[in-house]
C-alpha cells in the first residue's frame, strides 16, 4: 500500500511540475512499474515528447 501512496505523491508532483521538472522526475525516479511510467506519460504534454526522448538518450 505504501508504494501506491508514494506513487500518488510522485504523480501529483509530476502533474503540478513544469516541463523540465516533469522530465527530471520521469528520468530519475526509480522503482516504478511499466504501468506507472505509462500513467505518468499519459499526463505528459505530447508536444514535449521529443524533449523527453532527448533527455533519455
C-alpha atoms as a PDB file:
ATOM      1  CA  UNK A   1       0.000   0.000   0.000  1.00  0.00           C
ATOM      2  CA  UNK A   2       2.836   2.409   0.799  1.00  0.00           C
ATOM      3  CA  UNK A   3       4.306   2.061  -2.675  1.00  0.00           C
ATOM      4  CA  UNK A   4       0.942   3.034  -4.169  1.00  0.00           C
ATOM      5  CA  UNK A   5       0.599   6.123  -1.957  1.00  0.00           C
ATOM      6  CA  UNK A   6       4.203   7.031  -2.795  1.00  0.00           C
ATOM      7  CA  UNK A   7       3.346   6.786  -6.493  1.00  0.00           C
ATOM      8  CA  UNK A   8       0.320   9.016  -5.956  1.00  0.00           C
ATOM      9  CA  UNK A   9       2.612  11.652  -4.405  1.00  0.00           C
ATOM     10  CA  UNK A  10       5.019  11.333  -7.332  1.00  0.00           C
ATOM     11  CA  UNK A  11       2.139  11.623  -9.806  1.00  0.00           C
ATOM     12  CA  UNK A  12       0.739  14.721  -8.086  1.00  0.00           C
ATOM     13  CA  UNK A  13       4.183  16.374  -8.120  1.00  0.00           C
ATOM     14  CA  UNK A  14       4.570  15.362 -11.774  1.00  0.00           C
ATOM     15  CA  UNK A  15       1.221  16.861 -12.781  1.00  0.00           C
ATOM     16  CA  UNK A  16       1.952  20.157 -10.995  1.00  0.00           C
ATOM     17  CA  UNK A  17       5.507  20.469 -12.309  1.00  0.00           C
ATOM     18  CA  UNK A  18       6.819  22.481 -15.236  1.00  0.00           C
ATOM     19  CA  UNK A  19       8.177  20.610 -18.277  1.00  0.00           C
ATOM     20  CA  UNK A  20      11.803  20.477 -17.114  1.00  0.00           C
ATOM     21  CA  UNK A  21      10.789  19.185 -13.690  1.00  0.00           C
ATOM     22  CA  UNK A  22       8.450  16.617 -15.261  1.00  0.00           C
ATOM     23  CA  UNK A  23      11.390  15.341 -17.316  1.00  0.00           C
ATOM     24  CA  UNK A  24      13.627  15.270 -14.246  1.00  0.00           C
ATOM     25  CA  UNK A  25      11.044  13.303 -12.263  1.00  0.00           C
ATOM     26  CA  UNK A  26      10.395  10.873 -15.132  1.00  0.00           C
ATOM     27  CA  UNK A  27      14.083  10.186 -15.743  1.00  0.00           C
ATOM     28  CA  UNK A  28      15.273   9.979 -12.127  1.00  0.00           C
ATOM     29  CA  UNK A  29      12.526   8.264 -10.135  1.00  0.00           C
ATOM     30  CA  UNK A  30      13.251   4.581  -9.567  1.00  0.00           C
ATOM     31  CA  UNK A  31      11.190   1.548  -8.709  1.00  0.00           C
ATOM     32  CA  UNK A  32       8.103   2.303 -10.773  1.00  0.00           C
ATOM     33  CA  UNK A  33       6.335  -0.363 -12.757  1.00  0.00           C
ATOM     34  CA  UNK A  34       5.840  -0.097 -16.504  1.00  0.00           C
ATOM     35  CA  UNK A  35       2.199   0.748 -15.852  1.00  0.00           C
ATOM     36  CA  UNK A  36       3.166   3.594 -13.519  1.00  0.00           C
ATOM     37  CA  UNK A  37       5.567   5.045 -16.089  1.00  0.00           C
ATOM     38  CA  UNK A  38       2.766   4.810 -18.668  1.00  0.00           C
ATOM     39  CA  UNK A  39       0.445   6.609 -16.273  1.00  0.00           C
ATOM     40  CA  UNK A  40       2.936   9.464 -15.945  1.00  0.00           C
ATOM     41  CA  UNK A  41       3.306   9.609 -19.723  1.00  0.00           C
ATOM     42  CA  UNK A  42      -0.453   9.877 -20.082  1.00  0.00           C
ATOM     43  CA  UNK A  43      -0.345  13.284 -18.369  1.00  0.00           C
ATOM     44  CA  UNK A  44       2.829  14.474 -20.128  1.00  0.00           C
ATOM     45  CA  UNK A  45       2.226  17.125 -22.838  1.00  0.00           C
ATOM     46  CA  UNK A  46       2.630  15.398 -26.205  1.00  0.00           C
ATOM     47  CA  UNK A  47       4.281  18.412 -27.836  1.00  0.00           C
ATOM     48  CA  UNK A  48       7.287  17.976 -25.483  1.00  0.00           C
ATOM     49  CA  UNK A  49       7.824  14.247 -26.041  1.00  0.00           C
ATOM     50  CA  UNK A  50      10.852  14.950 -28.233  1.00  0.00           C
ATOM     51  CA  UNK A  51      12.478  16.837 -25.350  1.00  0.00           C
ATOM     52  CA  UNK A  52      11.803  13.886 -23.037  1.00  0.00           C
ATOM     53  CA  UNK A  53      13.260  11.479 -25.605  1.00  0.00           C
ATOM     54  CA  UNK A  54      16.424  13.553 -25.948  1.00  0.00           C
ATOM     55  CA  UNK A  55      16.918  13.617 -22.177  1.00  0.00           C
ATOM     56  CA  UNK A  56      16.745   9.829 -22.062  1.00  0.00           C
ATOM     57  CA  UNK A  57      19.286   9.267 -24.855  1.00  0.00           C
END
